[in-house]
Amino acid sequence: MDSPTRNSISNTIQELSRKVFDNPSLTISDSMGPNDIPGWTSLTFTQLLTEIETTFNFKFKIFEIIKMQTIGGIVDVTTQHVSQQ
């Protein structure tokens, strides 16, 4: 079975973001970060990462989490993990 593409992973993360940030019309982009998404706090960031880990069945490493500053960074790291499965 083929691995999901970066685009399909981004779409899934958008759906998870809508759930976590309680905003059904939220549209994310790679450049968006904490200052761009209403409701982004350390707690919602952690919830989003947990949702991603559960959905894609892997665990982020602490050094990866520390470097994640944008949605694009989250998508990139997620894509790397998924492609290694």
PDB file of N, CA and C in Angstrom:
ATOM      1  N   MET A   1       0.842  -1.190   0.000  1.00  0.00           N
ATOM      2  CA  MET A   1       0.000   0.000   0.000  1.00  0.00           C
ATOM      3  C   MET A   1       0.885   1.251   0.000  1.00  0.00           C
ATOM      4  N   ASP A   2       0.530   2.212  -0.813  1.00  0.00           N
ATOM      5  CA  ASP A   2       1.316   3.440  -0.921  1.00  0.00           C
ATOM      6  C   ASP A   2       1.149   4.302   0.323  1.00  0.00           C
ATOM      7  N   SER A   3       2.234   4.987   0.686  1.00  0.00           N
ATOM      8  CA  SER A   3       2.166   5.932   1.795  1.00  0.00           C
ATOM      9  C   SER A   3       1.350   7.146   1.376  1.00  0.00           C
ATOM     10  N   PRO A   4       0.673   7.761   2.344  1.00  0.00           N
ATOM     11  CA  PRO A   4      -0.054   8.992   2.012  1.00  0.00           C
ATOM     12  C   PRO A   4       0.917  10.076   1.535  1.00  0.00           C
ATOM     13  N   THR A   5       0.440  10.948   0.669  1.00  0.00           N
ATOM     14  CA  THR A   5       1.253  12.052   0.180  1.00  0.00           C
ATOM     15  C   THR A   5       1.275  13.170   1.222  1.00  0.00           C
ATOM     16  N   ARG A   6       2.213  14.090   1.053  1.00  0.00           N
ATOM     17  CA  ARG A   6       2.278  15.239   1.960  1.00  0.00           C
ATOM     18  C   ARG A   6       0.960  16.001   1.926  1.00  0.00           C
ATOM     19  N   ASN A   7       0.372  16.123   0.733  1.00  0.00           N
ATOM     20  CA  ASN A   7      -0.882  16.847   0.594  1.00  0.00           C
ATOM     21  C   ASN A   7      -2.015  16.154   1.368  1.00  0.00           C
ATOM     22  N   SER A   8      -2.103  14.837   1.265  1.00  0.00           N
ATOM     23  CA  SER A   8      -3.166  14.132   1.984  1.00  0.00           C
ATOM     24  C   SER A   8      -2.933  14.187   3.496  1.00  0.00           C
ATOM     25  N   ILE A   9      -1.670  14.154   3.910  1.00  0.00           N
ATOM     26  CA  ILE A   9      -1.349  14.295   5.335  1.00  0.00           C
ATOM     27  C   ILE A   9      -1.744  15.691   5.810  1.00  0.00           C
ATOM     28  N   SER A  10      -1.442  16.710   5.014  1.00  0.00           N
ATOM     29  CA  SER A  10      -1.823  18.080   5.358  1.00  0.00           C
ATOM     30  C   SER A  10      -3.345  18.205   5.489  1.00  0.00           C
ATOM     31  N   ASN A  11      -4.074  17.569   4.574  1.00  0.00           N
ATOM     32  CA  ASN A  11      -5.541  17.608   4.646  1.00  0.00           C
ATOM     33  C   ASN A  11      -6.052  16.946   5.920  1.00  0.00           C
ATOM     34  N   THR A  12      -5.447  15.838   6.312  1.00  0.00           N
ATOM     35  CA  THR A  12      -5.842  15.163   7.550  1.00  0.00           C
ATOM     36  C   THR A  12      -5.535  16.043   8.751  1.00  0.00           C
ATOM     37  N   ILE A  13      -4.368  16.675   8.745  1.00  0.00           N
ATOM     38  CA  ILE A  13      -3.999  17.562   9.853  1.00  0.00           C
ATOM     39  C   ILE A  13      -4.950  18.758   9.903  1.00  0.00           C
ATOM     40  N   GLN A  14      -5.405  19.234   8.760  1.00  0.00           N
ATOM     41  CA  GLN A  14      -6.387  20.317   8.759  1.00  0.00           C
ATOM     42  C   GLN A  14      -7.663  19.870   9.472  1.00  0.00           C
ATOM     43  N   GLU A  15      -8.135  18.667   9.168  1.00  0.00           N
ATOM     44  CA  GLU A  15      -9.346  18.160   9.824  1.00  0.00           C
ATOM     45  C   GLU A  15      -9.126  18.011  11.333  1.00  0.00           C
ATOM     46  N   LEU A  16      -7.965  17.514  11.728  1.00  0.00           N
ATOM     47  CA  LEU A  16      -7.655  17.387  13.153  1.00  0.00           C
ATOM     48  C   LEU A  16      -7.567  18.765  13.808  1.00  0.00           C
ATOM     49  N   SER A  17      -7.002  19.738  13.096  1.00  0.00           N
ATOM     50  CA  SER A  17      -6.906  21.106  13.610  1.00  0.00           C
ATOM     51  C   SER A  17      -8.288  21.706  13.823  1.00  0.00           C
ATOM     52  N   ARG A  18      -9.183  21.469  12.900  1.00  0.00           N
ATOM     53  CA  ARG A  18     -10.557  21.968  13.044  1.00  0.00           C
ATOM     54  C   ARG A  18     -11.202  21.417  14.310  1.00  0.00           C
ATOM     55  N   LYS A  19     -10.936  20.154  14.582  1.00  0.00           N
ATOM     56  CA  LYS A  19     -11.481  19.514  15.789  1.00  0.00           C
ATOM     57  C   LYS A  19     -10.847  20.101  17.059  1.00  0.00           C
ATOM     58  N   VAL A  20      -9.523  20.127  17.087  1.00  0.00           N
ATOM     59  CA  VAL A  20      -8.800  20.579  18.287  1.00  0.00           C
ATOM     60  C   VAL A  20      -9.069  22.050  18.587  1.00  0.00           C
ATOM     61  N   PHE A  21      -9.056  22.882  17.561  1.00  0.00           N
ATOM     62  CA  PHE A  21      -9.251  24.319  17.762  1.00  0.00           C
ATOM     63  C   PHE A  21     -10.728  24.715  17.714  1.00  0.00           C
ATOM     64  N   ASP A  22     -11.601  23.722  17.606  1.00  0.00           N
ATOM     65  CA  ASP A  22     -13.052  23.919  17.635  1.00  0.00           C
ATOM     66  C   ASP A  22     -13.490  24.985  16.634  1.00  0.00           C
ATOM     67  N   ASN A  23     -12.999  24.815  15.393  1.00  0.00           N
ATOM     68  CA  ASN A  23     -13.304  25.767  14.323  1.00  0.00           C
ATOM     69  C   ASN A  23     -13.517  24.989  13.035  1.00  0.00           C
ATOM     70  N   PRO A  24     -14.773  24.629  12.726  1.00  0.00           N
ATOM     71  CA  PRO A  24     -15.046  23.786  11.560  1.00  0.00           C
ATOM     72  C   PRO A  24     -14.685  24.408  10.214  1.00  0.00           C
ATOM     73  N   SER A  25     -14.475  25.706  10.168  1.00  0.00           N
ATOM     74  CA  SER A  25     -14.126  26.346   8.894  1.00  0.00           C
ATOM     75  C   SER A  25     -12.641  26.715   8.804  1.00  0.00           C
ATOM     76  N   LEU A  26     -11.839  26.290   9.780  1.00  0.00           N
ATOM     77  CA  LEU A  26     -10.412  26.608   9.794  1.00  0.00           C
ATOM     78  C   LEU A  26      -9.722  26.048   8.551  1.00  0.00           C
ATOM     79  N   THR A  27      -8.981  26.904   7.878  1.00  0.00           N
ATOM     80  CA  THR A  27      -8.150  26.490   6.753  1.00  0.00           C
ATOM     81  C   THR A  27      -6.708  26.794   7.129  1.00  0.00           C
ATOM     82  N   ILE A  28      -5.891  25.749   7.161  1.00  0.00           N
ATOM     83  CA  ILE A  28      -4.492  25.922   7.565  1.00  0.00           C
ATOM     84  C   ILE A  28      -3.597  26.077   6.343  1.00  0.00           C
ATOM     85  N   SER A  29      -2.426  26.666   6.587  1.00  0.00           N
ATOM     86  CA  SER A  29      -1.381  26.720   5.562  1.00  0.00           C
ATOM     87  C   SER A  29      -0.043  26.488   6.252  1.00  0.00           C
ATOM     88  N   ASP A  30       0.958  26.131   5.471  1.00  0.00           N
ATOM     89  CA  ASP A  30       2.269  25.784   6.033  1.00  0.00           C
ATOM     90  C   ASP A  30       2.861  26.881   6.904  1.00  0.00           C
ATOM     91  N   SER A  31       2.628  28.134   6.561  1.00  0.00           N
ATOM     92  CA  SER A  31       3.271  29.239   7.277  1.00  0.00           C
ATOM     93  C   SER A  31       2.573  29.593   8.597  1.00  0.00           C
ATOM     94  N   MET A  32       1.413  29.017   8.843  1.00  0.00           N
ATOM     95  CA  MET A  32       0.651  29.388  10.047  1.00  0.00           C
ATOM     96  C   MET A  32       1.291  28.806  11.306  1.00  0.00           C
ATOM     97  N   GLY A  33       1.217  29.609  12.376  1.00  0.00           N
ATOM     98  CA  GLY A  33       1.747  29.192  13.668  1.00  0.00           C
ATOM     99  C   GLY A  33       0.847  29.677  14.787  1.00  0.00           C
ATOM    100  N   PRO A  34       1.372  29.716  15.996  1.00  0.00           N
ATOM    101  CA  PRO A  34       0.561  30.080  17.167  1.00  0.00           C
ATOM    102  C   PRO A  34      -0.124  31.436  17.071  1.00  0.00           C
ATOM    103  N   ASN A  35       0.499  32.391  16.409  1.00  0.00           N
ATOM    104  CA  ASN A  35      -0.093  33.730  16.308  1.00  0.00           C
ATOM    105  C   ASN A  35      -1.164  33.835  15.224  1.00  0.00           C
ATOM    106  N   ASP A  36      -1.287  32.795  14.406  1.00  0.00           N
ATOM    107  CA  ASP A  36      -2.207  32.838  13.272  1.00  0.00           C
ATOM    108  C   ASP A  36      -3.492  32.046  13.481  1.00  0.00           C
ATOM    109  N   ILE A  37      -3.505  31.168  14.480  1.00  0.00           N
ATOM    110  CA  ILE A  37      -4.653  30.300  14.705  1.00  0.00           C
ATOM    111  C   ILE A  37      -5.260  30.630  16.059  1.00  0.00           C
ATOM    112  N   PRO A  38      -6.476  31.177  16.050  1.00  0.00           N
ATOM    113  CA  PRO A  38      -7.140  31.484  17.324  1.00  0.00           C
ATOM    114  C   PRO A  38      -7.299  30.214  18.163  1.00  0.00           C
ATOM    115  N   GLY A  39      -6.953  30.326  19.419  1.00  0.00           N
ATOM    116  CA  GLY A  39      -7.084  29.188  20.321  1.00  0.00           C
ATOM    117  C   GLY A  39      -5.834  28.331  20.429  1.00  0.00           C
ATOM    118  N   TRP A  40      -4.767  28.686  19.692  1.00  0.00           N
ATOM    119  CA  TRP A  40      -3.519  27.910  19.776  1.00  0.00           C
ATOM    120  C   TRP A  40      -2.848  28.258  21.093  1.00  0.00           C
ATOM    121  N   THR A  41      -2.796  27.300  21.971  1.00  0.00           N
ATOM    122  CA  THR A  41      -2.091  27.417  23.255  1.00  0.00           C
ATOM    123  C   THR A  41      -1.179  26.205  23.379  1.00  0.00           C
ATOM    124  N   SER A  42      -0.397  26.169  24.433  1.00  0.00           N
ATOM    125  CA  SER A  42       0.449  24.990  24.636  1.00  0.00           C
ATOM    126  C   SER A  42      -0.415  23.739  24.794  1.00  0.00           C
ATOM    127  N   LEU A  43      -1.578  23.889  25.407  1.00  0.00           N
ATOM    128  CA  LEU A  43      -2.473  22.747  25.586  1.00  0.00           C
ATOM    129  C   LEU A  43      -3.059  22.272  24.250  1.00  0.00           C
ATOM    130  N   THR A  44      -3.570  23.207  23.434  1.00  0.00           N
ATOM    131  CA  THR A  44      -4.150  22.781  22.161  1.00  0.00           C
ATOM    132  C   THR A  44      -3.074  22.256  21.207  1.00  0.00           C
ATOM    133  N   PHE A  45      -1.866  22.807  21.285  1.00  0.00           N
ATOM    134  CA  PHE A  45      -0.748  22.293  20.486  1.00  0.00           C
ATOM    135  C   PHE A  45      -0.476  20.841  20.860  1.00  0.00           C
ATOM    136  N   THR A  46      -0.439  20.573  22.161  1.00  0.00           N
ATOM    137  CA  THR A  46      -0.221  19.207  22.639  1.00  0.00           C
ATOM    138  C   THR A  46      -1.364  18.292  22.213  1.00  0.00           C
ATOM    139  N   GLN A  47      -2.582  18.799  22.291  1.00  0.00           N
ATOM    140  CA  GLN A  47      -3.734  17.999  21.850  1.00  0.00           C
ATOM    141  C   GLN A  47      -3.646  17.683  20.357  1.00  0.00           C
ATOM    142  N   LEU A  48      -3.245  18.663  19.559  1.00  0.00           N
ATOM    143  CA  LEU A  48      -3.111  18.438  18.123  1.00  0.00           C
ATOM    144  C   LEU A  48      -2.060  17.365  17.850  1.00  0.00           C
ATOM    145  N   LEU A  49      -0.922  17.449  18.508  1.00  0.00           N
ATOM    146  CA  LEU A  49       0.126  16.451  18.297  1.00  0.00           C
ATOM    147  C   LEU A  49      -0.345  15.062  18.709  1.00  0.00           C
ATOM    148  N   THR A  50      -1.085  14.981  19.801  1.00  0.00           N
ATOM    149  CA  THR A  50      -1.622  13.694  20.258  1.00  0.00           C
ATOM    150  C   THR A  50      -2.599  13.125  19.236  1.00  0.00           C
ATOM    151  N   GLU A  51      -3.451  13.975  18.684  1.00  0.00           N
ATOM    152  CA  GLU A  51      -4.395  13.534  17.649  1.00  0.00           C
ATOM    153  C   GLU A  51      -3.642  13.024  16.410  1.00  0.00           C
ATOM    154  N   ILE A  52      -2.585  13.717  16.035  1.00  0.00           N
ATOM    155  CA  ILE A  52      -1.782  13.303  14.876  1.00  0.00           C
ATOM    156  C   ILE A  52      -1.114  11.953  15.156  1.00  0.00           C
ATOM    157  N   GLU A  53      -0.518  11.812  16.333  1.00  0.00           N
ATOM    158  CA  GLU A  53       0.131  10.549  16.701  1.00  0.00           C
ATOM    159  C   GLU A  53      -0.856   9.387  16.662  1.00  0.00           C
ATOM    160  N   THR A  54      -2.039   9.611  17.192  1.00  0.00           N
ATOM    161  CA  THR A  54      -3.063   8.564  17.220  1.00  0.00           C
ATOM    162  C   THR A  54      -3.536   8.220  15.812  1.00  0.00           C
ATOM    163  N   THR A  55      -3.777   9.236  15.012  1.00  0.00           N
ATOM    164  CA  THR A  55      -4.282   9.027  13.649  1.00  0.00           C
ATOM    165  C   THR A  55      -3.277   8.294  12.779  1.00  0.00           C
ATOM    166  N   PHE A  56      -2.011   8.675  12.878  1.00  0.00           N
ATOM    167  CA  PHE A  56      -0.990   8.104  12.000  1.00  0.00           C
ATOM    168  C   PHE A  56      -0.165   7.002  12.666  1.00  0.00           C
ATOM    169  N   ASN A  57      -0.443   6.721  13.934  1.00  0.00           N
ATOM    170  CA  ASN A  57       0.179   5.614  14.662  1.00  0.00           C
ATOM    171  C   ASN A  57       1.707   5.708  14.762  1.00  0.00           C
ATOM    172  N   PHE A  58       2.181   6.815  15.326  1.00  0.00           N
ATOM    173  CA  PHE A  58       3.601   6.982  15.639  1.00  0.00           C
ATOM    174  C   PHE A  58       3.705   7.967  16.798  1.00  0.00           C
ATOM    175  N   LYS A  59       4.917   8.136  17.329  1.00  0.00           N
ATOM    176  CA  LYS A  59       5.162   9.090  18.418  1.00  0.00           C
ATOM    177  C   LYS A  59       6.212  10.103  17.979  1.00  0.00           C
ATOM    178  N   PHE A  60       5.909  11.390  18.191  1.00  0.00           N
ATOM    179  CA  PHE A  60       6.908  12.429  17.948  1.00  0.00           C
ATOM    180  C   PHE A  60       8.022  12.308  18.974  1.00  0.00           C
ATOM    181  N   LYS A  61       9.225  12.654  18.568  1.00  0.00           N
ATOM    182  CA  LYS A  61      10.355  12.735  19.494  1.00  0.00           C
ATOM    183  C   LYS A  61      10.402  14.150  20.059  1.00  0.00           C
ATOM    184  N   ILE A  62      10.890  14.289  21.277  1.00  0.00           N
ATOM    185  CA  ILE A  62      10.879  15.598  21.942  1.00  0.00           C
ATOM    186  C   ILE A  62      11.634  16.645  21.128  1.00  0.00           C
ATOM    187  N   PHE A  63      12.758  16.286  20.526  1.00  0.00           N
ATOM    188  CA  PHE A  63      13.512  17.272  19.744  1.00  0.00           C
ATOM    189  C   PHE A  63      12.728  17.726  18.510  1.00  0.00           C
ATOM    190  N   GLU A  64      11.852  16.866  17.975  1.00  0.00           N
ATOM    191  CA  GLU A  64      11.015  17.252  16.844  1.00  0.00           C
ATOM    192  C   GLU A  64       9.960  18.267  17.289  1.00  0.00           C
ATOM    193  N   ILE A  65       9.369  18.005  18.437  1.00  0.00           N
ATOM    194  CA  ILE A  65       8.327  18.891  18.961  1.00  0.00           C
ATOM    195  C   ILE A  65       8.890  20.279  19.234  1.00  0.00           C
ATOM    196  N   ILE A  66      10.065  20.343  19.796  1.00  0.00           N
ATOM    197  CA  ILE A  66      10.688  21.627  20.128  1.00  0.00           C
ATOM    198  C   ILE A  66      10.914  22.471  18.871  1.00  0.00           C
ATOM    199  N   LYS A  67      11.223  21.814  17.752  1.00  0.00           N
ATOM    200  CA  LYS A  67      11.505  22.533  16.505  1.00  0.00           C
ATOM    201  C   LYS A  67      10.255  22.945  15.744  1.00  0.00           C
ATOM    202  N   MET A  68       9.099  22.390  16.085  1.00  0.00           N
ATOM    203  CA  MET A  68       7.867  22.682  15.345  1.00  0.00           C
ATOM    204  C   MET A  68       7.363  24.077  15.680  1.00  0.00           C
ATOM    205  N   GLN A  69       7.459  24.974  14.714  1.00  0.00           N
ATOM    206  CA  GLN A  69       7.021  26.348  14.909  1.00  0.00           C
ATOM    207  C   GLN A  69       5.821  26.710  14.045  1.00  0.00           C
ATOM    208  N   THR A  70       5.561  25.886  13.034  1.00  0.00           N
ATOM    209  CA  THR A  70       4.483  26.175  12.086  1.00  0.00           C
ATOM    210  C   THR A  70       3.741  24.888  11.725  1.00  0.00           C
ATOM    211  N   ILE A  71       2.603  25.064  11.087  1.00  0.00           N
ATOM    212  CA  ILE A  71       1.854  23.919  10.566  1.00  0.00           C
ATOM    213  C   ILE A  71       2.715  23.163   9.553  1.00  0.00           C
ATOM    214  N   GLY A  72       3.442  23.876   8.726  1.00  0.00           N
ATOM    215  CA  GLY A  72       4.317  23.228   7.747  1.00  0.00           C
ATOM    216  C   GLY A  72       5.342  22.325   8.405  1.00  0.00           C
ATOM    217  N   GLY A  73       5.894  22.777   9.528  1.00  0.00           N
ATOM    218  CA  GLY A  73       6.845  21.954  10.270  1.00  0.00           C
ATOM    219  C   GLY A  73       6.200  20.682  10.803  1.00  0.00           C
ATOM    220  N   ILE A  74       4.971  20.822  11.286  1.00  0.00           N
ATOM    221  CA  ILE A  74       4.235  19.658  11.793  1.00  0.00           C
ATOM    222  C   ILE A  74       3.965  18.679  10.648  1.00  0.00           C
ATOM    223  N   VAL A  75       3.535  19.206   9.510  1.00  0.00           N
ATOM    224  CA  VAL A  75       3.245  18.356   8.351  1.00  0.00           C
ATOM    225  C   VAL A  75       4.522  17.663   7.869  1.00  0.00           C
ATOM    226  N   ASP A  76       5.630  18.394   7.820  1.00  0.00           N
ATOM    227  CA  ASP A  76       6.896  17.806   7.359  1.00  0.00           C
ATOM    228  C   ASP A  76       7.334  16.645   8.248  1.00  0.00           C
ATOM    229  N   VAL A  77       7.320  16.852   9.553  1.00  0.00           N
ATOM    230  CA  VAL A  77       7.749  15.797  10.479  1.00  0.00           C
ATOM    231  C   VAL A  77       6.801  14.607  10.403  1.00  0.00           C
ATOM    232  N   THR A  78       5.505  14.887  10.316  1.00  0.00           N
ATOM    233  CA  THR A  78       4.514  13.807  10.202  1.00  0.00           C
ATOM    234  C   THR A  78       4.755  13.015   8.922  1.00  0.00           C
ATOM    235  N   THR A  79       5.005  13.707   7.821  1.00  0.00           N
ATOM    236  CA  THR A  79       5.267  13.043   6.543  1.00  0.00           C
ATOM    237  C   THR A  79       6.485  12.149   6.640  1.00  0.00           C
ATOM    238  N   GLN A  80       7.540  12.610   7.314  1.00  0.00           N
ATOM    239  CA  GLN A  80       8.745  11.795   7.490  1.00  0.00           C
ATOM    240  C   GLN A  80       8.418  10.515   8.263  1.00  0.00           C
ATOM    241  N   HIS A  81       7.659  10.644   9.333  1.00  0.00           N
ATOM    242  CA  HIS A  81       7.317   9.454  10.125  1.00  0.00           C
ATOM    243  C   HIS A  81       6.468   8.472   9.318  1.00  0.00           C
ATOM    244  N   VAL A  82       5.471   8.988   8.617  1.00  0.00           N
ATOM    245  CA  VAL A  82       4.564   8.127   7.864  1.00  0.00           C
ATOM    246  C   VAL A  82       5.320   7.407   6.746  1.00  0.00           C
ATOM    247  N   SER A  83       6.266   8.088   6.118  1.00  0.00           N
ATOM    248  CA  SER A  83       7.007   7.468   5.011  1.00  0.00           C
ATOM    249  C   SER A  83       7.952   6.372   5.509  1.00  0.00           C
ATOM    250  N   GLN A  84       8.260   6.371   6.803  1.00  0.00           N
ATOM    251  CA  GLN A  84       9.148   5.352   7.379  1.00  0.00           C
ATOM    252  C   GLN A  84       8.387   4.131   7.892  1.00  0.00           C
ATOM    253  N   GLN A  85       7.064   4.180   7.854  1.00  0.00           N
ATOM    254  CA  GLN A  85       6.274   3.054   8.369  1.00  0.00           C
ATOM    255  C   GLN A  85       6.211   1.922   7.382  1.00  0.00           C
TER     256      GLN A  85
END
